[in-house]
N, C-alpha and C. Protein backbone atom coordinates (compact mmCIF):
# COMPACT_ATOMS: atom_id res chain seq x y z
N MET A 1 -6.20 80.79 14.00
CA MET A 1 -6.89 79.63 14.48
C MET A 1 -5.94 78.78 15.31
N SER A 2 -6.52 78.15 16.22
CA SER A 2 -5.73 77.28 17.07
C SER A 2 -5.77 75.86 16.55
N ASP A 3 -4.86 75.06 17.06
CA ASP A 3 -4.78 73.66 16.62
C ASP A 3 -6.04 72.89 16.97
N ALA A 4 -6.67 73.25 18.04
CA ALA A 4 -7.89 72.57 18.46
C ALA A 4 -9.01 72.80 17.47
N GLU A 5 -9.01 73.93 16.85
CA GLU A 5 -10.08 74.23 15.91
C GLU A 5 -9.85 73.58 14.56
N THR A 6 -8.57 73.36 14.13
CA THR A 6 -8.28 72.80 12.81
C THR A 6 -8.23 71.28 12.81
N THR A 7 -7.96 70.63 13.91
CA THR A 7 -7.89 69.18 13.98
C THR A 7 -9.27 68.63 14.21
N PRO A 8 -9.73 67.76 13.29
CA PRO A 8 -11.06 67.21 13.49
C PRO A 8 -11.06 66.25 14.67
N LYS A 9 -12.18 66.13 15.32
CA LYS A 9 -12.30 65.23 16.47
C LYS A 9 -12.44 63.80 15.96
N LYS A 10 -11.81 62.87 16.69
CA LYS A 10 -11.94 61.45 16.35
C LYS A 10 -13.30 60.98 16.81
N LYS A 11 -13.94 60.21 15.92
CA LYS A 11 -15.26 59.71 16.25
C LYS A 11 -15.18 58.20 16.44
N GLY A 12 -15.75 57.68 17.45
CA GLY A 12 -15.88 56.24 17.67
C GLY A 12 -14.57 55.54 17.95
N GLY A 13 -13.61 56.14 18.53
CA GLY A 13 -12.32 55.53 18.82
C GLY A 13 -12.46 54.34 19.74
N LYS A 14 -13.24 54.49 20.80
CA LYS A 14 -13.45 53.40 21.73
C LYS A 14 -14.27 52.28 21.08
N MET A 15 -15.20 52.66 20.25
CA MET A 15 -16.06 51.67 19.59
C MET A 15 -15.23 50.79 18.65
N LYS A 16 -14.27 51.37 17.91
CA LYS A 16 -13.42 50.60 17.00
C LYS A 16 -12.59 49.59 17.79
N LYS A 17 -12.03 50.02 18.91
CA LYS A 17 -11.21 49.13 19.73
C LYS A 17 -12.04 47.96 20.26
N VAL A 18 -13.24 48.24 20.71
CA VAL A 18 -14.12 47.18 21.22
C VAL A 18 -14.50 46.22 20.09
N LEU A 19 -14.81 46.75 18.93
CA LEU A 19 -15.19 45.93 17.79
C LEU A 19 -14.03 45.04 17.33
N ILE A 20 -12.83 45.59 17.23
CA ILE A 20 -11.65 44.81 16.82
C ILE A 20 -11.36 43.72 17.85
N ALA A 21 -11.44 44.06 19.12
CA ALA A 21 -11.20 43.07 20.17
C ALA A 21 -12.24 41.96 20.12
N THR A 22 -13.49 42.29 19.88
CA THR A 22 -14.56 41.29 19.79
C THR A 22 -14.33 40.37 18.59
N ILE A 23 -14.00 40.93 17.44
CA ILE A 23 -13.74 40.12 16.25
C ILE A 23 -12.55 39.21 16.48
N GLY A 24 -11.50 39.73 17.10
CA GLY A 24 -10.32 38.92 17.41
C GLY A 24 -10.66 37.75 18.31
N LEU A 25 -11.44 38.00 19.35
CA LEU A 25 -11.83 36.92 20.26
C LEU A 25 -12.68 35.86 19.55
N VAL A 26 -13.59 36.31 18.69
CA VAL A 26 -14.43 35.36 17.95
C VAL A 26 -13.56 34.50 17.03
N LEU A 27 -12.60 35.11 16.33
CA LEU A 27 -11.71 34.34 15.44
C LEU A 27 -10.87 33.34 16.22
N ILE A 28 -10.29 33.78 17.33
CA ILE A 28 -9.47 32.88 18.14
C ILE A 28 -10.33 31.75 18.71
N GLY A 29 -11.51 32.09 19.19
CA GLY A 29 -12.41 31.06 19.73
C GLY A 29 -12.85 30.08 18.66
N GLY A 30 -13.15 30.58 17.47
CA GLY A 30 -13.56 29.70 16.36
C GLY A 30 -12.44 28.77 15.94
N ALA A 31 -11.22 29.31 15.85
CA ALA A 31 -10.07 28.47 15.49
C ALA A 31 -9.82 27.41 16.55
N GLY A 32 -9.93 27.80 17.81
CA GLY A 32 -9.75 26.83 18.90
C GLY A 32 -10.81 25.75 18.87
N GLY A 33 -12.05 26.16 18.62
CA GLY A 33 -13.14 25.18 18.53
C GLY A 33 -12.95 24.22 17.36
N ALA A 34 -12.57 24.77 16.21
CA ALA A 34 -12.35 23.91 15.03
C ALA A 34 -11.21 22.95 15.28
N GLY A 35 -10.14 23.42 15.92
CA GLY A 35 -9.02 22.54 16.25
C GLY A 35 -9.44 21.43 17.19
N GLY A 36 -10.25 21.78 18.18
CA GLY A 36 -10.75 20.77 19.11
C GLY A 36 -11.59 19.72 18.41
N PHE A 37 -12.48 20.15 17.53
CA PHE A 37 -13.29 19.19 16.77
C PHE A 37 -12.42 18.31 15.88
N TYR A 38 -11.40 18.90 15.26
CA TYR A 38 -10.51 18.15 14.38
C TYR A 38 -9.81 17.05 15.17
N TYR A 39 -9.21 17.41 16.30
CA TYR A 39 -8.50 16.42 17.10
C TYR A 39 -9.44 15.41 17.73
N ALA A 40 -10.66 15.77 17.95
CA ALA A 40 -11.64 14.83 18.50
C ALA A 40 -12.16 13.87 17.44
N GLY A 41 -11.85 14.15 16.16
CA GLY A 41 -12.24 13.25 15.10
C GLY A 41 -13.55 13.61 14.43
N ALA A 42 -14.09 14.78 14.68
CA ALA A 42 -15.36 15.15 14.08
C ALA A 42 -15.22 15.46 12.59
N PHE A 43 -14.03 15.83 12.14
CA PHE A 43 -13.81 16.15 10.73
C PHE A 43 -13.05 15.02 10.05
N GLY A 44 -13.65 13.90 9.78
CA GLY A 44 -12.99 12.84 9.03
C GLY A 44 -12.60 11.64 9.88
N GLY A 45 -12.79 11.69 11.14
CA GLY A 45 -12.53 10.53 11.97
C GLY A 45 -11.05 10.33 12.25
N ASP A 46 -10.77 9.40 13.13
CA ASP A 46 -9.41 9.07 13.51
C ASP A 46 -8.97 7.91 12.65
N ALA A 47 -7.92 8.11 11.86
CA ALA A 47 -7.46 7.09 10.93
C ALA A 47 -6.99 5.84 11.66
N ALA A 48 -6.49 5.98 12.87
CA ALA A 48 -6.01 4.82 13.61
C ALA A 48 -7.16 3.90 14.01
N GLU A 49 -8.36 4.43 14.15
CA GLU A 49 -9.49 3.61 14.56
C GLU A 49 -10.23 3.00 13.38
N GLU A 50 -10.00 3.51 12.17
CA GLU A 50 -10.70 2.98 11.01
C GLU A 50 -10.15 1.60 10.66
N LYS A 51 -11.02 0.70 10.27
CA LYS A 51 -10.61 -0.64 9.88
C LYS A 51 -10.20 -0.60 8.41
N PRO A 52 -8.98 -1.05 8.08
CA PRO A 52 -8.56 -0.99 6.68
C PRO A 52 -9.41 -1.90 5.81
N ASP A 53 -9.56 -1.51 4.58
CA ASP A 53 -10.37 -2.28 3.62
C ASP A 53 -9.46 -3.27 2.89
N HIS A 54 -9.00 -4.28 3.61
CA HIS A 54 -8.12 -5.28 3.02
C HIS A 54 -8.94 -6.38 2.36
N PRO A 55 -8.31 -7.11 1.43
CA PRO A 55 -9.00 -8.26 0.83
C PRO A 55 -9.42 -9.26 1.90
N LYS A 56 -10.44 -10.01 1.57
CA LYS A 56 -10.96 -11.02 2.49
C LYS A 56 -10.53 -12.40 2.01
N LEU A 57 -10.41 -13.31 2.96
CA LEU A 57 -10.12 -14.70 2.63
C LEU A 57 -11.37 -15.34 2.05
N VAL A 58 -11.18 -16.21 1.05
CA VAL A 58 -12.30 -16.90 0.42
C VAL A 58 -12.29 -18.35 0.87
N LEU A 59 -13.38 -18.76 1.50
CA LEU A 59 -13.51 -20.15 1.95
C LEU A 59 -13.89 -21.04 0.77
N LYS A 60 -13.74 -22.34 0.96
CA LYS A 60 -14.05 -23.31 -0.11
C LYS A 60 -15.49 -23.17 -0.61
N ASP A 61 -16.42 -22.79 0.27
CA ASP A 61 -17.82 -22.65 -0.14
C ASP A 61 -18.10 -21.33 -0.86
N GLY A 62 -17.06 -20.49 -1.02
CA GLY A 62 -17.22 -19.22 -1.72
C GLY A 62 -17.50 -18.03 -0.82
N SER A 63 -17.82 -18.30 0.45
CA SER A 63 -18.06 -17.18 1.37
C SER A 63 -16.72 -16.54 1.73
N GLN A 64 -16.81 -15.30 2.21
CA GLN A 64 -15.59 -14.56 2.52
C GLN A 64 -15.57 -14.20 4.00
N ILE A 65 -14.37 -14.23 4.57
CA ILE A 65 -14.19 -13.85 5.97
C ILE A 65 -13.05 -12.83 6.05
N ASP A 66 -13.04 -12.06 7.12
CA ASP A 66 -11.96 -11.09 7.33
C ASP A 66 -10.65 -11.84 7.48
N ALA A 67 -9.62 -11.24 6.90
CA ALA A 67 -8.28 -11.80 7.03
C ALA A 67 -7.76 -11.56 8.43
N PRO A 68 -6.87 -12.42 8.91
CA PRO A 68 -6.27 -12.15 10.22
C PRO A 68 -5.44 -10.87 10.15
N PRO A 69 -5.17 -10.25 11.28
CA PRO A 69 -4.38 -9.01 11.27
C PRO A 69 -3.04 -9.22 10.57
N GLY A 70 -2.57 -8.21 9.90
CA GLY A 70 -1.31 -8.29 9.18
C GLY A 70 -1.49 -7.78 7.77
N ASP A 71 -0.46 -7.99 6.98
CA ASP A 71 -0.48 -7.46 5.62
C ASP A 71 -0.64 -8.55 4.56
N GLY A 72 -1.00 -9.77 4.97
CA GLY A 72 -1.26 -10.83 4.01
C GLY A 72 -0.01 -11.45 3.43
N THR A 73 1.16 -11.18 4.01
CA THR A 73 2.38 -11.74 3.44
C THR A 73 2.85 -12.98 4.18
N GLY A 74 2.19 -13.33 5.26
CA GLY A 74 2.58 -14.51 6.03
C GLY A 74 1.84 -15.75 5.55
N ASN A 75 2.28 -16.88 6.02
CA ASN A 75 1.63 -18.13 5.65
C ASN A 75 0.37 -18.32 6.48
N LEU A 76 -0.69 -18.76 5.83
CA LEU A 76 -1.93 -19.06 6.53
C LEU A 76 -1.87 -20.47 7.11
N LYS A 77 -2.51 -20.63 8.24
CA LYS A 77 -2.62 -21.96 8.82
C LYS A 77 -3.86 -22.61 8.24
N ASP A 78 -3.85 -23.93 8.11
CA ASP A 78 -5.00 -24.70 7.64
C ASP A 78 -5.48 -24.21 6.27
N LYS A 79 -4.59 -24.22 5.30
CA LYS A 79 -4.90 -23.74 3.95
C LYS A 79 -5.99 -24.56 3.27
N ALA A 80 -6.23 -25.76 3.75
CA ALA A 80 -7.20 -26.65 3.10
C ALA A 80 -8.62 -26.09 3.15
N LYS A 81 -8.91 -25.19 4.06
CA LYS A 81 -10.29 -24.68 4.15
C LYS A 81 -10.53 -23.46 3.26
N TYR A 82 -9.48 -22.98 2.57
CA TYR A 82 -9.61 -21.79 1.72
C TYR A 82 -9.60 -22.16 0.25
N GLN A 83 -10.27 -21.34 -0.54
CA GLN A 83 -10.29 -21.52 -1.99
C GLN A 83 -9.07 -20.82 -2.58
N VAL A 84 -8.35 -21.52 -3.44
CA VAL A 84 -7.16 -20.94 -4.06
C VAL A 84 -7.52 -20.37 -5.43
N THR A 85 -6.95 -19.23 -5.73
CA THR A 85 -7.11 -18.60 -7.04
C THR A 85 -5.74 -18.50 -7.68
N TYR A 86 -5.62 -18.97 -8.91
CA TYR A 86 -4.36 -18.89 -9.65
C TYR A 86 -4.47 -17.77 -10.67
N HIS A 87 -3.35 -17.07 -10.85
CA HIS A 87 -3.33 -15.96 -11.80
C HIS A 87 -1.97 -15.93 -12.49
N PRO A 88 -1.96 -16.04 -13.84
CA PRO A 88 -0.68 -15.93 -14.54
C PRO A 88 -0.23 -14.47 -14.64
N ILE A 89 1.05 -14.26 -14.49
CA ILE A 89 1.62 -12.93 -14.75
C ILE A 89 1.97 -12.96 -16.24
N GLU A 90 1.31 -12.12 -17.01
CA GLU A 90 1.44 -12.16 -18.47
C GLU A 90 2.87 -11.84 -18.92
N GLY A 91 3.27 -12.52 -19.99
CA GLY A 91 4.59 -12.28 -20.59
C GLY A 91 5.67 -13.08 -19.90
N SER A 92 6.85 -13.01 -20.48
CA SER A 92 7.99 -13.72 -19.89
C SER A 92 8.98 -12.70 -19.32
N PHE A 93 9.85 -13.21 -18.49
CA PHE A 93 10.86 -12.38 -17.84
C PHE A 93 12.23 -12.91 -18.23
N THR A 94 13.09 -12.04 -18.70
CA THR A 94 14.44 -12.44 -19.09
C THR A 94 15.42 -11.54 -18.37
N SER A 95 16.46 -12.17 -17.80
CA SER A 95 17.45 -11.39 -17.08
C SER A 95 18.78 -12.12 -17.10
N ASN A 96 19.86 -11.33 -17.11
CA ASN A 96 21.18 -11.90 -16.90
C ASN A 96 21.25 -12.40 -15.48
N LEU A 97 22.05 -13.45 -15.27
CA LEU A 97 22.20 -14.00 -13.93
C LEU A 97 23.44 -13.40 -13.26
N ARG A 98 23.45 -13.44 -11.96
CA ARG A 98 24.56 -12.88 -11.18
C ARG A 98 25.87 -13.57 -11.55
N GLY A 99 26.91 -12.80 -11.63
CA GLY A 99 28.23 -13.36 -11.89
C GLY A 99 28.49 -13.66 -13.34
N GLY A 100 27.65 -13.17 -14.25
CA GLY A 100 27.87 -13.41 -15.67
C GLY A 100 27.74 -14.87 -16.06
N SER A 101 26.95 -15.62 -15.31
CA SER A 101 26.84 -17.06 -15.56
C SER A 101 25.70 -17.40 -16.52
N GLY A 102 25.33 -16.50 -17.40
CA GLY A 102 24.28 -16.77 -18.37
C GLY A 102 23.07 -15.91 -18.11
N PHE A 103 21.93 -16.41 -18.59
CA PHE A 103 20.69 -15.68 -18.37
C PHE A 103 19.57 -16.66 -18.11
N ALA A 104 18.49 -16.13 -17.58
CA ALA A 104 17.30 -16.94 -17.29
C ALA A 104 16.10 -16.29 -17.95
N GLN A 105 15.22 -17.15 -18.44
CA GLN A 105 13.94 -16.69 -18.97
C GLN A 105 12.86 -17.47 -18.23
N ALA A 106 11.90 -16.74 -17.69
CA ALA A 106 10.88 -17.39 -16.86
C ALA A 106 9.50 -16.84 -17.19
N GLU A 107 8.52 -17.71 -17.01
CA GLU A 107 7.12 -17.33 -17.01
C GLU A 107 6.57 -17.85 -15.70
N ILE A 108 5.75 -17.02 -15.03
CA ILE A 108 5.29 -17.42 -13.71
C ILE A 108 3.79 -17.18 -13.55
N ALA A 109 3.25 -17.87 -12.55
CA ALA A 109 1.87 -17.67 -12.11
C ALA A 109 1.92 -17.56 -10.59
N VAL A 110 0.90 -16.96 -10.02
CA VAL A 110 0.82 -16.80 -8.57
C VAL A 110 -0.48 -17.42 -8.08
N SER A 111 -0.52 -17.70 -6.78
CA SER A 111 -1.76 -18.16 -6.17
C SER A 111 -2.05 -17.32 -4.93
N THR A 112 -3.33 -17.18 -4.64
CA THR A 112 -3.77 -16.43 -3.47
C THR A 112 -5.03 -17.08 -2.90
N PHE A 113 -5.22 -16.90 -1.62
CA PHE A 113 -6.44 -17.36 -0.95
C PHE A 113 -7.39 -16.20 -0.68
N TYR A 114 -7.03 -15.02 -1.15
CA TYR A 114 -7.81 -13.81 -0.91
C TYR A 114 -8.71 -13.50 -2.10
N ASP A 115 -9.61 -12.54 -1.91
CA ASP A 115 -10.58 -12.21 -2.95
C ASP A 115 -9.92 -11.52 -4.15
N GLU A 116 -10.77 -11.13 -5.09
CA GLU A 116 -10.31 -10.60 -6.39
C GLU A 116 -9.51 -9.31 -6.27
N ARG A 117 -9.52 -8.67 -5.12
CA ARG A 117 -8.76 -7.42 -4.97
C ARG A 117 -7.25 -7.66 -5.08
N VAL A 118 -6.78 -8.84 -4.69
CA VAL A 118 -5.35 -9.14 -4.82
C VAL A 118 -4.99 -9.24 -6.30
N VAL A 119 -5.79 -9.94 -7.08
CA VAL A 119 -5.54 -10.06 -8.52
C VAL A 119 -5.65 -8.69 -9.19
N ALA A 120 -6.60 -7.89 -8.77
CA ALA A 120 -6.73 -6.53 -9.33
C ALA A 120 -5.50 -5.70 -9.01
N ALA A 121 -4.94 -5.85 -7.81
CA ALA A 121 -3.73 -5.11 -7.44
C ALA A 121 -2.54 -5.58 -8.28
N LEU A 122 -2.48 -6.88 -8.59
CA LEU A 122 -1.41 -7.39 -9.46
C LEU A 122 -1.46 -6.71 -10.82
N THR A 123 -2.66 -6.57 -11.35
CA THR A 123 -2.84 -5.95 -12.66
C THR A 123 -2.54 -4.46 -12.59
N GLU A 124 -3.03 -3.81 -11.56
CA GLU A 124 -2.85 -2.36 -11.43
C GLU A 124 -1.38 -1.96 -11.27
N HIS A 125 -0.61 -2.78 -10.56
CA HIS A 125 0.79 -2.45 -10.29
C HIS A 125 1.73 -3.36 -11.07
N ASP A 126 1.32 -3.71 -12.27
CA ASP A 126 2.05 -4.65 -13.11
C ASP A 126 3.51 -4.23 -13.33
N PHE A 127 3.76 -2.97 -13.65
CA PHE A 127 5.11 -2.54 -13.97
C PHE A 127 6.04 -2.66 -12.76
N ALA A 128 5.58 -2.27 -11.60
CA ALA A 128 6.40 -2.38 -10.39
C ALA A 128 6.66 -3.85 -10.05
N ILE A 129 5.68 -4.70 -10.24
CA ILE A 129 5.84 -6.13 -9.95
C ILE A 129 6.80 -6.76 -10.95
N ARG A 130 6.65 -6.42 -12.22
CA ARG A 130 7.56 -6.96 -13.24
C ARG A 130 9.00 -6.55 -12.94
N ASP A 131 9.20 -5.31 -12.51
CA ASP A 131 10.53 -4.83 -12.16
C ASP A 131 11.11 -5.65 -11.00
N SER A 132 10.31 -5.91 -9.99
CA SER A 132 10.81 -6.66 -8.83
C SER A 132 11.16 -8.09 -9.22
N ILE A 133 10.42 -8.68 -10.16
CA ILE A 133 10.71 -10.04 -10.61
C ILE A 133 12.04 -10.07 -11.36
N VAL A 134 12.24 -9.12 -12.27
CA VAL A 134 13.49 -9.07 -13.03
C VAL A 134 14.68 -8.85 -12.09
N MET A 135 14.51 -7.99 -11.10
CA MET A 135 15.59 -7.74 -10.15
C MET A 135 15.94 -8.99 -9.35
N GLU A 136 14.94 -9.76 -8.95
CA GLU A 136 15.22 -11.01 -8.22
C GLU A 136 15.90 -12.03 -9.13
N LEU A 137 15.48 -12.11 -10.38
CA LEU A 137 16.16 -13.02 -11.31
C LEU A 137 17.63 -12.63 -11.46
N ALA A 138 17.90 -11.33 -11.54
CA ALA A 138 19.27 -10.85 -11.72
C ALA A 138 20.15 -11.18 -10.51
N GLU A 139 19.55 -11.37 -9.35
CA GLU A 139 20.31 -11.71 -8.14
C GLU A 139 20.53 -13.22 -8.01
N SER A 140 20.06 -13.98 -8.98
CA SER A 140 20.14 -15.45 -8.90
C SER A 140 21.43 -15.95 -9.52
N ASN A 141 21.90 -17.07 -9.00
CA ASN A 141 23.08 -17.74 -9.51
C ASN A 141 22.62 -18.91 -10.39
N GLY A 142 23.18 -19.01 -11.60
CA GLY A 142 22.78 -20.05 -12.54
C GLY A 142 22.94 -21.45 -12.01
N GLN A 143 24.05 -21.72 -11.30
CA GLN A 143 24.28 -23.05 -10.75
C GLN A 143 23.23 -23.41 -9.71
N GLU A 144 22.84 -22.44 -8.90
CA GLU A 144 21.82 -22.69 -7.88
C GLU A 144 20.47 -22.99 -8.52
N LEU A 145 20.16 -22.32 -9.64
CA LEU A 145 18.87 -22.52 -10.29
C LEU A 145 18.77 -23.85 -11.02
N GLU A 146 19.88 -24.55 -11.17
CA GLU A 146 19.84 -25.86 -11.81
C GLU A 146 19.29 -26.93 -10.88
N THR A 147 19.18 -26.63 -9.60
CA THR A 147 18.65 -27.60 -8.64
C THR A 147 17.21 -27.25 -8.28
N GLY A 148 16.49 -28.26 -7.86
CA GLY A 148 15.12 -28.03 -7.40
C GLY A 148 15.08 -27.12 -6.19
N ALA A 149 16.02 -27.28 -5.28
CA ALA A 149 16.07 -26.44 -4.08
C ALA A 149 16.32 -24.98 -4.47
N GLY A 150 17.17 -24.75 -5.47
CA GLY A 150 17.45 -23.39 -5.92
C GLY A 150 16.22 -22.74 -6.54
N LYS A 151 15.46 -23.54 -7.28
CA LYS A 151 14.23 -23.02 -7.89
C LYS A 151 13.19 -22.69 -6.82
N LYS A 152 13.08 -23.54 -5.80
CA LYS A 152 12.13 -23.28 -4.70
C LYS A 152 12.54 -22.02 -3.94
N GLU A 153 13.84 -21.85 -3.74
CA GLU A 153 14.33 -20.66 -3.03
C GLU A 153 14.03 -19.40 -3.85
N LEU A 154 14.20 -19.46 -5.17
CA LEU A 154 13.87 -18.33 -6.04
C LEU A 154 12.37 -18.04 -5.98
N ALA A 155 11.55 -19.08 -5.99
CA ALA A 155 10.10 -18.88 -5.91
C ALA A 155 9.73 -18.16 -4.61
N GLN A 156 10.37 -18.51 -3.51
CA GLN A 156 10.09 -17.83 -2.24
C GLN A 156 10.54 -16.38 -2.28
N ARG A 157 11.70 -16.13 -2.87
CA ARG A 157 12.19 -14.75 -2.98
C ARG A 157 11.25 -13.93 -3.86
N LEU A 158 10.77 -14.53 -4.95
CA LEU A 158 9.83 -13.83 -5.83
C LEU A 158 8.53 -13.53 -5.11
N ARG A 159 8.03 -14.49 -4.35
CA ARG A 159 6.80 -14.27 -3.57
C ARG A 159 6.99 -13.11 -2.60
N ASN A 160 8.10 -13.12 -1.88
CA ASN A 160 8.36 -12.04 -0.91
C ASN A 160 8.49 -10.70 -1.61
N SER A 161 9.14 -10.69 -2.76
CA SER A 161 9.34 -9.45 -3.51
C SER A 161 8.02 -8.90 -4.03
N ILE A 162 7.18 -9.75 -4.58
CA ILE A 162 5.87 -9.32 -5.09
C ILE A 162 5.00 -8.82 -3.93
N ASN A 163 4.99 -9.56 -2.82
CA ASN A 163 4.21 -9.13 -1.66
C ASN A 163 4.72 -7.79 -1.14
N GLN A 164 6.02 -7.58 -1.16
CA GLN A 164 6.57 -6.31 -0.69
C GLN A 164 6.08 -5.15 -1.57
N VAL A 165 6.07 -5.37 -2.89
CA VAL A 165 5.56 -4.32 -3.79
C VAL A 165 4.09 -4.06 -3.50
N LEU A 166 3.30 -5.11 -3.35
CA LEU A 166 1.87 -4.93 -3.08
C LEU A 166 1.62 -4.23 -1.75
N VAL A 167 2.40 -4.56 -0.73
CA VAL A 167 2.24 -3.90 0.57
C VAL A 167 2.58 -2.42 0.44
N GLU A 168 3.65 -2.10 -0.29
CA GLU A 168 4.02 -0.70 -0.49
C GLU A 168 2.94 0.07 -1.24
N LYS A 169 2.34 -0.57 -2.24
CA LYS A 169 1.38 0.12 -3.10
C LYS A 169 -0.05 0.11 -2.56
N THR A 170 -0.44 -0.98 -1.89
CA THR A 170 -1.83 -1.12 -1.47
C THR A 170 -2.01 -1.34 0.03
N GLY A 171 -0.94 -1.64 0.74
CA GLY A 171 -1.05 -1.92 2.17
C GLY A 171 -1.32 -3.39 2.46
N PHE A 172 -1.36 -4.22 1.41
CA PHE A 172 -1.69 -5.63 1.61
C PHE A 172 -1.04 -6.47 0.52
N GLY A 173 -0.42 -7.58 0.88
CA GLY A 173 0.23 -8.48 -0.08
C GLY A 173 -0.77 -9.49 -0.62
N GLY A 174 -0.80 -10.66 -0.01
CA GLY A 174 -1.80 -11.67 -0.35
C GLY A 174 -1.35 -12.79 -1.26
N ILE A 175 -0.12 -12.75 -1.77
CA ILE A 175 0.36 -13.83 -2.65
C ILE A 175 0.88 -14.95 -1.78
N ASP A 176 0.39 -16.17 -2.02
CA ASP A 176 0.78 -17.32 -1.23
C ASP A 176 1.94 -18.08 -1.87
N SER A 177 1.85 -18.33 -3.17
CA SER A 177 2.87 -19.15 -3.84
C SER A 177 3.16 -18.62 -5.23
N ILE A 178 4.35 -18.97 -5.71
CA ILE A 178 4.79 -18.67 -7.08
C ILE A 178 4.99 -20.00 -7.79
N TYR A 179 4.55 -20.05 -9.03
CA TYR A 179 4.71 -21.26 -9.86
C TYR A 179 5.43 -20.88 -11.14
N PHE A 180 6.46 -21.65 -11.47
CA PHE A 180 7.14 -21.44 -12.75
C PHE A 180 6.39 -22.22 -13.81
N THR A 181 5.89 -21.54 -14.82
CA THR A 181 5.25 -22.23 -15.94
C THR A 181 6.27 -22.44 -17.05
N LYS A 182 7.39 -21.73 -16.94
CA LYS A 182 8.52 -21.90 -17.87
C LYS A 182 9.75 -21.33 -17.19
N LEU A 183 10.85 -22.06 -17.25
CA LEU A 183 12.12 -21.57 -16.71
C LEU A 183 13.25 -22.13 -17.57
N VAL A 184 13.90 -21.26 -18.32
CA VAL A 184 14.99 -21.65 -19.21
C VAL A 184 16.26 -20.97 -18.73
N LEU A 185 17.31 -21.75 -18.57
CA LEU A 185 18.61 -21.22 -18.15
C LEU A 185 19.61 -21.45 -19.28
N GLN A 186 20.41 -20.43 -19.57
CA GLN A 186 21.47 -20.58 -20.56
C GLN A 186 22.72 -19.92 -20.08
């Protein structure tokens, strides 16, 4: 027998090549189309165009308005037209003071002109906020805290620190002021 008689003939060789090429083109075209839709925003939208769901300012009459652009950590102008909400941070804070000059024990409350989402964020991120408060106390000098100006400066640092934690965790700060309800230095 000759080799021609023992080797079976290939069937559909051209058909397989055409079919594989067609499937390949369909897959490449589908991937390209899906990529185009993704970049055009059809699958979930463009995050840069979405308006963030930040807390709203509460007016004296109880109505709410959109906050100005930003992260809520700056001072508002014309505070008299907004309703203030006070919230105590539960528990006390005790820390050694910088330079081995004793320790401080403090209890604080915060105020905000924004809706209940700021207070909810304070509660949700309590541990991170408590840590930032203790760290700021530890950076304080006992002699400076004996003066009213030193206490005001600490209150501003605490406000900035709490707002920084809230911005990192939620994208929005919203704390306007810090109030010491107890401050003991030894």
